[in-house]
Amino acid sequence: MTQCQVQAATKFALPPSAMPVHDRRMSLETACREEATYSLKLLGGVGDRHRTGAPVREFVVCENHSQLVTQVDRELMEDGWATALPEKSRTLA
């Protein structure tokens, strides 16, 4: 069983001071013991809102955190950030 990597994904891709992240900090930063069932490729996003030249990393997360990261990403885009998701999440086989 591979555990959800939401903590690492959050630190890599989501700006900590942005309101959508701040509002869900507890869920995003608490260690998740659920089995990872989705793969997310994420662009780094600690600085530039446009994510210009941002590195891409892949993380595995549980279904709940896959949906939460996608929702937070949508809200960040509404706040002027470029998406952190260069492609759709996919289920692990």
N, C-alpha and C. Protein backbone atom coordinates (compact mmCIF):
# COMPACT_ATOMS: atom_id res chain seq x y z
N MET A 1 0.84 -1.18 0.00
CA MET A 1 0.00 0.00 0.00
C MET A 1 0.89 1.25 0.00
N THR A 2 0.62 2.14 -0.93
CA THR A 2 1.33 3.41 -1.01
C THR A 2 0.47 4.47 -0.34
N GLN A 3 1.07 5.20 0.60
CA GLN A 3 0.31 6.23 1.32
C GLN A 3 0.19 7.52 0.52
N CYS A 4 -0.87 8.23 0.79
CA CYS A 4 -1.14 9.54 0.19
C CYS A 4 0.01 10.51 0.50
N GLN A 5 0.46 11.24 -0.51
CA GLN A 5 1.57 12.19 -0.37
C GLN A 5 1.09 13.65 -0.36
N VAL A 6 -0.07 13.89 0.23
CA VAL A 6 -0.65 15.23 0.17
C VAL A 6 0.24 16.28 0.81
N GLN A 7 0.94 15.95 1.89
CA GLN A 7 1.79 16.95 2.54
C GLN A 7 2.88 17.43 1.60
N ALA A 8 3.57 16.51 0.93
CA ALA A 8 4.64 16.87 0.01
C ALA A 8 4.08 17.63 -1.19
N ALA A 9 2.94 17.19 -1.71
CA ALA A 9 2.31 17.86 -2.86
C ALA A 9 1.94 19.29 -2.51
N THR A 10 1.37 19.48 -1.33
CA THR A 10 0.95 20.81 -0.89
C THR A 10 2.15 21.75 -0.78
N LYS A 11 3.22 21.28 -0.16
CA LYS A 11 4.42 22.11 0.01
C LYS A 11 5.03 22.47 -1.33
N PHE A 12 4.96 21.56 -2.29
CA PHE A 12 5.57 21.77 -3.59
C PHE A 12 4.76 22.72 -4.48
N ALA A 13 3.44 22.55 -4.51
CA ALA A 13 2.65 23.21 -5.54
C ALA A 13 1.72 24.32 -5.09
N LEU A 14 1.37 24.36 -3.82
CA LEU A 14 0.34 25.31 -3.39
C LEU A 14 0.95 26.42 -2.53
N PRO A 15 0.73 27.68 -2.90
CA PRO A 15 1.30 28.80 -2.15
C PRO A 15 0.66 28.88 -0.76
N PRO A 16 1.45 28.80 0.30
CA PRO A 16 0.91 28.71 1.65
C PRO A 16 0.10 29.92 2.12
N SER A 17 0.38 31.09 1.59
CA SER A 17 -0.33 32.28 2.06
C SER A 17 -1.62 32.56 1.29
N ALA A 18 -1.88 31.83 0.22
CA ALA A 18 -3.11 32.04 -0.56
C ALA A 18 -4.31 31.58 0.25
N MET A 19 -5.40 32.32 0.18
CA MET A 19 -6.59 32.04 0.98
C MET A 19 -7.15 30.63 0.76
N PRO A 20 -7.27 30.11 -0.48
CA PRO A 20 -7.80 28.77 -0.65
C PRO A 20 -6.97 27.70 0.06
N VAL A 21 -5.66 27.92 0.13
CA VAL A 21 -4.77 26.99 0.83
C VAL A 21 -4.91 27.19 2.33
N HIS A 22 -4.88 28.44 2.75
CA HIS A 22 -4.98 28.76 4.17
C HIS A 22 -6.27 28.20 4.77
N ASP A 23 -7.38 28.31 4.04
CA ASP A 23 -8.68 27.83 4.53
C ASP A 23 -8.71 26.32 4.74
N ARG A 24 -7.85 25.60 4.04
CA ARG A 24 -7.86 24.13 4.13
C ARG A 24 -6.55 23.58 4.69
N ARG A 25 -5.81 24.42 5.35
CA ARG A 25 -4.49 24.06 5.84
C ARG A 25 -4.48 22.75 6.62
N MET A 26 -5.44 22.56 7.51
CA MET A 26 -5.44 21.36 8.34
C MET A 26 -5.54 20.10 7.49
N SER A 27 -6.44 20.09 6.54
CA SER A 27 -6.61 18.91 5.68
C SER A 27 -5.42 18.70 4.75
N LEU A 28 -4.82 19.77 4.27
CA LEU A 28 -3.71 19.66 3.33
C LEU A 28 -2.38 19.35 4.01
N GLU A 29 -2.21 19.74 5.26
CA GLU A 29 -0.91 19.58 5.91
C GLU A 29 -0.85 18.46 6.94
N THR A 30 -1.97 17.82 7.22
CA THR A 30 -1.98 16.71 8.17
C THR A 30 -1.63 15.43 7.42
N ALA A 31 -0.79 14.61 8.01
CA ALA A 31 -0.41 13.35 7.37
C ALA A 31 -1.65 12.51 7.10
N CYS A 32 -1.76 12.03 5.88
CA CYS A 32 -2.90 11.21 5.48
C CYS A 32 -2.48 9.75 5.47
N ARG A 33 -3.25 8.91 6.10
CA ARG A 33 -2.91 7.49 6.17
C ARG A 33 -3.71 6.65 5.17
N GLU A 34 -4.44 7.33 4.29
CA GLU A 34 -5.23 6.63 3.27
C GLU A 34 -4.32 6.10 2.16
N GLU A 35 -4.81 5.09 1.49
CA GLU A 35 -4.07 4.53 0.36
C GLU A 35 -4.14 5.48 -0.82
N ALA A 36 -3.00 5.66 -1.49
CA ALA A 36 -2.95 6.51 -2.68
C ALA A 36 -3.61 5.78 -3.84
N THR A 37 -4.55 6.44 -4.49
CA THR A 37 -5.27 5.84 -5.62
C THR A 37 -5.22 6.72 -6.87
N TYR A 38 -4.65 7.92 -6.76
CA TYR A 38 -4.55 8.84 -7.89
C TYR A 38 -3.13 9.36 -8.02
N SER A 39 -2.74 9.65 -9.24
CA SER A 39 -1.46 10.27 -9.52
C SER A 39 -1.73 11.69 -10.02
N LEU A 40 -1.03 12.66 -9.42
CA LEU A 40 -1.15 14.06 -9.83
C LEU A 40 0.21 14.56 -10.27
N LYS A 41 0.28 15.17 -11.43
CA LYS A 41 1.48 15.90 -11.83
C LYS A 41 1.21 17.36 -11.49
N LEU A 42 2.13 17.95 -10.74
CA LEU A 42 1.94 19.31 -10.26
C LEU A 42 3.12 20.19 -10.63
N LEU A 43 2.81 21.44 -10.95
CA LEU A 43 3.83 22.46 -11.17
C LEU A 43 4.17 23.12 -9.84
N GLY A 44 5.44 23.38 -9.62
CA GLY A 44 5.85 24.09 -8.41
C GLY A 44 5.20 25.46 -8.37
N GLY A 45 4.89 25.95 -7.17
CA GLY A 45 4.17 27.21 -7.12
C GLY A 45 4.38 28.03 -5.89
N VAL A 46 5.58 28.08 -5.38
CA VAL A 46 5.79 28.84 -4.16
C VAL A 46 5.94 30.33 -4.45
N GLY A 47 6.36 30.70 -5.64
CA GLY A 47 6.60 32.11 -5.90
C GLY A 47 5.73 32.73 -6.96
N ASP A 48 6.08 32.55 -8.21
CA ASP A 48 5.47 33.21 -9.35
C ASP A 48 4.05 32.72 -9.62
N ARG A 49 3.10 33.64 -9.67
CA ARG A 49 1.70 33.28 -9.95
C ARG A 49 1.52 32.64 -11.33
N HIS A 50 2.44 32.92 -12.24
CA HIS A 50 2.33 32.38 -13.60
C HIS A 50 3.02 31.02 -13.72
N ARG A 51 3.76 30.63 -12.69
CA ARG A 51 4.47 29.35 -12.65
C ARG A 51 5.44 29.20 -13.82
N THR A 52 5.94 30.32 -14.31
CA THR A 52 6.87 30.31 -15.43
C THR A 52 8.12 29.52 -15.08
N GLY A 53 8.41 28.52 -15.88
CA GLY A 53 9.60 27.70 -15.66
C GLY A 53 9.53 26.80 -14.44
N ALA A 54 8.34 26.63 -13.89
CA ALA A 54 8.19 25.83 -12.67
C ALA A 54 8.50 24.36 -12.96
N PRO A 55 9.17 23.71 -12.03
CA PRO A 55 9.43 22.27 -12.19
C PRO A 55 8.14 21.48 -12.03
N VAL A 56 8.12 20.30 -12.62
CA VAL A 56 6.96 19.40 -12.52
C VAL A 56 7.37 18.18 -11.71
N ARG A 57 6.52 17.81 -10.76
CA ARG A 57 6.74 16.58 -9.99
C ARG A 57 5.44 15.81 -9.92
N GLU A 58 5.58 14.51 -9.77
CA GLU A 58 4.41 13.65 -9.67
C GLU A 58 4.26 13.17 -8.23
N PHE A 59 3.02 13.19 -7.76
CA PHE A 59 2.68 12.75 -6.41
C PHE A 59 1.52 11.77 -6.50
N VAL A 60 1.45 10.86 -5.53
CA VAL A 60 0.31 9.97 -5.44
C VAL A 60 -0.50 10.37 -4.22
N VAL A 61 -1.81 10.44 -4.39
CA VAL A 61 -2.69 10.90 -3.32
C VAL A 61 -3.95 10.04 -3.27
N CYS A 62 -4.65 10.12 -2.15
CA CYS A 62 -5.92 9.42 -2.02
C CYS A 62 -7.00 10.13 -2.83
N GLU A 63 -8.14 9.50 -3.00
CA GLU A 63 -9.21 10.09 -3.79
C GLU A 63 -9.67 11.43 -3.22
N ASN A 64 -9.84 11.49 -1.90
CA ASN A 64 -10.31 12.71 -1.25
C ASN A 64 -9.34 13.87 -1.49
N HIS A 65 -8.06 13.63 -1.33
CA HIS A 65 -7.09 14.70 -1.52
C HIS A 65 -6.90 15.05 -3.00
N SER A 66 -7.13 14.11 -3.90
CA SER A 66 -7.09 14.43 -5.33
C SER A 66 -8.18 15.45 -5.64
N GLN A 67 -9.36 15.22 -5.12
CA GLN A 67 -10.48 16.15 -5.34
C GLN A 67 -10.21 17.49 -4.66
N LEU A 68 -9.65 17.46 -3.45
CA LEU A 68 -9.39 18.70 -2.72
C LEU A 68 -8.33 19.54 -3.43
N VAL A 69 -7.25 18.93 -3.89
CA VAL A 69 -6.21 19.68 -4.60
C VAL A 69 -6.78 20.29 -5.88
N THR A 70 -7.62 19.55 -6.58
CA THR A 70 -8.25 20.07 -7.79
C THR A 70 -9.14 21.27 -7.48
N GLN A 71 -9.89 21.18 -6.39
CA GLN A 71 -10.76 22.29 -5.99
C GLN A 71 -9.94 23.52 -5.58
N VAL A 72 -8.90 23.32 -4.80
CA VAL A 72 -8.03 24.43 -4.39
C VAL A 72 -7.38 25.06 -5.63
N ASP A 73 -6.96 24.24 -6.58
CA ASP A 73 -6.35 24.76 -7.80
C ASP A 73 -7.34 25.66 -8.56
N ARG A 74 -8.59 25.24 -8.66
CA ARG A 74 -9.62 26.07 -9.33
C ARG A 74 -9.76 27.42 -8.63
N GLU A 75 -9.77 27.39 -7.30
CA GLU A 75 -9.92 28.65 -6.55
C GLU A 75 -8.68 29.53 -6.70
N LEU A 76 -7.51 28.92 -6.76
CA LEU A 76 -6.28 29.70 -6.98
C LEU A 76 -6.32 30.37 -8.36
N MET A 77 -6.83 29.66 -9.37
CA MET A 77 -6.94 30.25 -10.70
C MET A 77 -7.89 31.45 -10.67
N GLU A 78 -8.95 31.36 -9.90
CA GLU A 78 -9.87 32.50 -9.75
C GLU A 78 -9.18 33.69 -9.10
N ASP A 79 -8.14 33.41 -8.29
CA ASP A 79 -7.37 34.47 -7.64
C ASP A 79 -6.18 34.94 -8.47
N GLY A 80 -6.09 34.46 -9.72
CA GLY A 80 -5.03 34.94 -10.61
C GLY A 80 -3.82 34.05 -10.73
N TRP A 81 -3.81 32.89 -10.13
CA TRP A 81 -2.71 31.95 -10.27
C TRP A 81 -2.91 31.10 -11.51
N ALA A 82 -1.81 30.69 -12.14
CA ALA A 82 -1.89 29.69 -13.21
C ALA A 82 -2.17 28.35 -12.55
N THR A 83 -2.74 27.44 -13.31
CA THR A 83 -3.03 26.12 -12.76
C THR A 83 -1.77 25.40 -12.30
N ALA A 84 -1.91 24.59 -11.27
CA ALA A 84 -0.82 23.75 -10.81
C ALA A 84 -0.87 22.38 -11.46
N LEU A 85 -1.94 22.13 -12.21
CA LEU A 85 -2.17 20.80 -12.80
C LEU A 85 -1.93 20.85 -14.30
N PRO A 86 -0.74 20.48 -14.76
CA PRO A 86 -0.48 20.53 -16.20
C PRO A 86 -1.23 19.45 -16.98
N GLU A 87 -1.78 18.47 -16.28
CA GLU A 87 -2.62 17.46 -16.92
C GLU A 87 -3.58 16.91 -15.88
N LYS A 88 -4.63 16.22 -16.35
CA LYS A 88 -5.64 15.66 -15.45
C LYS A 88 -5.02 14.58 -14.57
N SER A 89 -5.58 14.43 -13.38
CA SER A 89 -5.15 13.35 -12.51
C SER A 89 -5.55 12.02 -13.15
N ARG A 90 -4.86 10.96 -12.77
CA ARG A 90 -5.21 9.65 -13.31
C ARG A 90 -5.21 8.64 -12.17
N THR A 91 -6.04 7.64 -12.32
CA THR A 91 -6.11 6.60 -11.29
C THR A 91 -4.91 5.69 -11.44
N LEU A 92 -4.46 5.18 -10.32
CA LEU A 92 -3.36 4.21 -10.35
C LEU A 92 -3.92 2.84 -10.71
N ALA A 93 -3.19 2.13 -11.52
CA ALA A 93 -3.66 0.80 -11.94
C ALA A 93 -3.35 -0.25 -10.90
